[in-house]
Amino acid sequence: MVCPIHRGVCSSHETFCLLDAKAVERLIGCLESENSKVVGAALAAIITLLDERVDVDKSVVLLSEANAVRHVLGALKDHREESVRRRSLWVIEKFLMRGGEGSVVFDDISRDRSLPSTLVRAFHHGEGNTRQMAERILRHLNRMPGFSNKVVL
């Protein structure tokens, strides 16, 4: 059987295909963990389904059907560790880029009321890549706040 994500023959034993191993839903479930290391590892595995070596559009559909965005947003809000924040933002950005503004995923992301403040916090307190991703997501959602250099006395 040809794997729709990896565009070739996959197996859970030889190529460690998450789809063939039926591990996607379990990984998404791990995003609910209180342990940041577990969440970070699950996000790292999920990211392999969204990198440029696979069919990202099919991965986005697969992960959307599994309601992954809701869980990633939850992990982003619940964990302050830089690795979890960076990986969560990477997944969210990939969904926004591939899903388009008319997609259900875009609606889920844009309707999340606490996301803009979480993104602004990441923009202010995150490291280089995290800051850039937070800024791009805020701009994509048309939620980039205006920062003034003026000092009010």
Protein backbone atom coordinates (compact mmCIF):
# COMPACT_ATOMS: atom_id res chain seq x y z
CA MET A 1 0.00 0.00 0.00
CA VAL A 2 1.28 3.46 -0.91
CA CYS A 3 1.30 5.96 1.94
CA PRO A 4 -0.60 9.12 0.95
CA ILE A 5 1.60 11.29 3.15
CA HIS A 6 5.04 9.96 2.28
CA ARG A 7 4.19 9.15 -1.35
CA GLY A 8 5.73 5.70 -1.15
CA VAL A 9 5.55 2.35 0.55
CA CYS A 10 5.71 2.78 4.31
CA SER A 11 5.67 0.53 7.31
CA SER A 12 5.68 1.19 11.01
CA HIS A 13 8.64 -1.18 11.46
CA GLU A 14 10.97 -0.24 8.60
CA THR A 15 10.24 3.42 7.87
CA PHE A 16 8.60 4.34 11.20
CA CYS A 17 5.55 5.75 9.43
CA LEU A 18 3.23 7.33 12.01
CA LEU A 19 0.27 6.85 9.72
CA ASP A 20 0.94 3.15 9.19
CA ALA A 21 1.49 2.70 12.94
CA LYS A 22 -1.84 4.42 13.59
CA ALA A 23 -0.01 6.70 16.01
CA VAL A 24 -1.39 10.08 14.94
CA GLU A 25 -4.36 10.14 17.31
CA ARG A 26 -2.22 8.90 20.20
CA LEU A 27 0.33 11.66 19.52
CA ILE A 28 -2.42 14.25 19.48
CA GLY A 29 -3.64 12.85 22.78
CA CYS A 30 -0.16 13.34 24.22
CA LEU A 31 -0.58 17.09 23.68
CA GLU A 32 -2.93 17.03 26.69
CA SER A 33 -0.12 15.89 28.99
CA GLU A 34 1.03 18.10 31.85
CA ASN A 35 4.61 16.97 31.16
CA SER A 36 6.25 19.45 28.80
CA LYS A 37 8.77 16.88 27.60
CA VAL A 38 5.96 14.56 26.48
CA VAL A 39 4.19 17.44 24.73
CA GLY A 40 7.42 18.56 23.05
CA ALA A 41 8.17 15.04 21.82
CA ALA A 42 4.63 14.62 20.47
CA LEU A 43 4.87 17.95 18.64
CA ALA A 44 8.26 16.94 17.20
CA ALA A 45 6.71 13.76 15.83
CA ILE A 46 3.68 15.62 14.43
CA ILE A 47 6.02 18.08 12.72
CA THR A 48 7.45 15.21 10.68
CA LEU A 49 4.04 14.95 9.04
CA LEU A 50 4.23 18.60 7.97
CA ASP A 51 7.77 19.04 6.71
CA GLU A 52 8.55 19.57 3.05
CA ARG A 53 9.51 15.93 2.40
CA VAL A 54 5.89 14.79 2.62
CA ASP A 55 2.59 15.73 1.02
CA VAL A 56 1.83 18.59 3.42
CA ASP A 57 -1.64 19.26 2.04
CA LYS A 58 -2.72 15.68 2.74
CA SER A 59 -1.12 15.86 6.17
CA VAL A 60 -3.03 19.05 6.97
CA VAL A 61 -6.28 17.33 5.98
CA LEU A 62 -5.41 14.25 8.07
CA LEU A 63 -4.46 16.32 11.12
CA SER A 64 -7.49 18.59 10.68
CA GLU A 65 -9.80 15.59 10.70
CA ALA A 66 -8.15 14.52 13.97
CA ASN A 67 -8.76 18.02 15.42
CA ALA A 68 -5.04 18.53 15.96
CA VAL A 69 -5.18 22.34 15.88
CA ARG A 70 -7.36 22.52 18.97
CA HIS A 71 -4.86 20.36 20.87
CA VAL A 72 -1.85 22.32 19.59
CA LEU A 73 -3.50 25.59 20.65
CA GLY A 74 -4.10 24.07 24.08
CA ALA A 75 -0.47 22.98 24.37
CA LEU A 76 0.68 26.46 23.36
CA LYS A 77 -1.41 28.03 26.13
CA ASP A 78 -0.62 25.45 28.81
CA HIS A 79 3.16 25.23 28.40
CA ARG A 80 5.65 28.09 28.64
CA GLU A 81 8.74 26.13 27.61
CA GLU A 82 10.45 27.57 24.57
CA SER A 83 10.63 24.23 22.71
CA VAL A 84 6.88 23.61 23.11
CA ARG A 85 6.08 27.21 22.17
CA ARG A 86 8.31 27.11 19.07
CA ARG A 87 6.97 23.74 17.87
CA SER A 88 3.35 24.74 18.50
CA LEU A 89 3.78 27.96 16.56
CA TRP A 90 5.47 26.08 13.72
CA VAL A 91 2.48 23.73 13.42
CA ILE A 92 -0.04 26.59 13.63
CA GLU A 93 1.83 28.57 11.01
CA LYS A 94 1.98 25.56 8.68
CA PHE A 95 -1.77 25.06 9.07
CA LEU A 96 -2.44 28.72 8.30
CA MET A 97 -0.19 28.66 5.23
CA ARG A 98 -1.69 25.46 3.82
CA GLY A 99 -5.26 25.73 5.01
CA GLY A 100 -6.09 29.13 3.60
CA GLU A 101 -8.43 31.74 4.99
CA GLY A 102 -11.60 29.90 4.00
CA SER A 103 -10.67 26.74 5.86
CA VAL A 104 -12.18 25.35 9.04
CA VAL A 105 -8.71 25.37 10.59
CA PHE A 106 -8.30 29.09 9.90
CA ASP A 107 -11.67 29.71 11.54
CA ASP A 108 -10.67 27.63 14.58
CA ILE A 109 -7.41 29.53 14.93
CA SER A 110 -8.87 33.00 14.32
CA ARG A 111 -11.78 32.43 16.74
CA ASP A 112 -9.51 31.47 19.63
CA ARG A 113 -9.86 34.48 21.92
CA SER A 114 -6.72 33.93 23.97
CA LEU A 115 -4.43 33.20 21.02
CA PRO A 116 -3.55 36.84 20.21
CA SER A 117 -2.35 37.50 23.76
CA THR A 118 -0.42 34.21 23.76
CA LEU A 119 1.19 35.22 20.45
CA VAL A 120 2.06 38.70 21.72
CA ARG A 121 3.66 37.11 24.80
CA ALA A 122 5.66 34.79 22.52
CA PHE A 123 6.61 37.78 20.37
CA HIS A 124 7.92 39.70 23.40
CA HIS A 125 9.51 36.87 25.36
CA GLY A 126 10.42 34.21 22.81
CA GLU A 127 13.73 33.55 21.15
CA GLY A 128 14.49 34.57 17.55
CA ASN A 129 12.55 31.98 15.53
CA THR A 130 9.69 31.92 18.00
CA ARG A 131 9.35 35.70 17.83
CA GLN A 132 9.33 35.62 14.03
CA MET A 133 6.70 32.89 13.85
CA ALA A 134 4.49 34.68 16.39
CA GLU A 135 4.76 37.88 14.36
CA ARG A 136 3.93 36.12 11.08
CA ILE A 137 0.89 34.43 12.64
CA LEU A 138 -0.32 37.72 14.14
CA ARG A 139 0.08 39.42 10.77
CA HIS A 140 -1.67 36.55 8.98
CA LEU A 141 -4.60 36.90 11.37
CA ASN A 142 -4.51 40.71 11.02
CA ARG A 143 -3.96 40.98 14.76
CA MET A 144 -0.51 42.56 14.92
CA PRO A 145 -0.74 45.25 17.57
CA GLY A 146 0.71 48.67 16.85
CA PHE A 147 3.63 49.47 19.10
CA SER A 148 4.53 53.09 19.57
CA ASN A 149 7.99 54.37 20.31
CA LYS A 150 6.56 57.51 21.91
CA VAL A 151 6.93 57.98 25.63
CA VAL A 152 3.89 59.38 27.39
CA LEU A 153 4.75 61.63 30.33
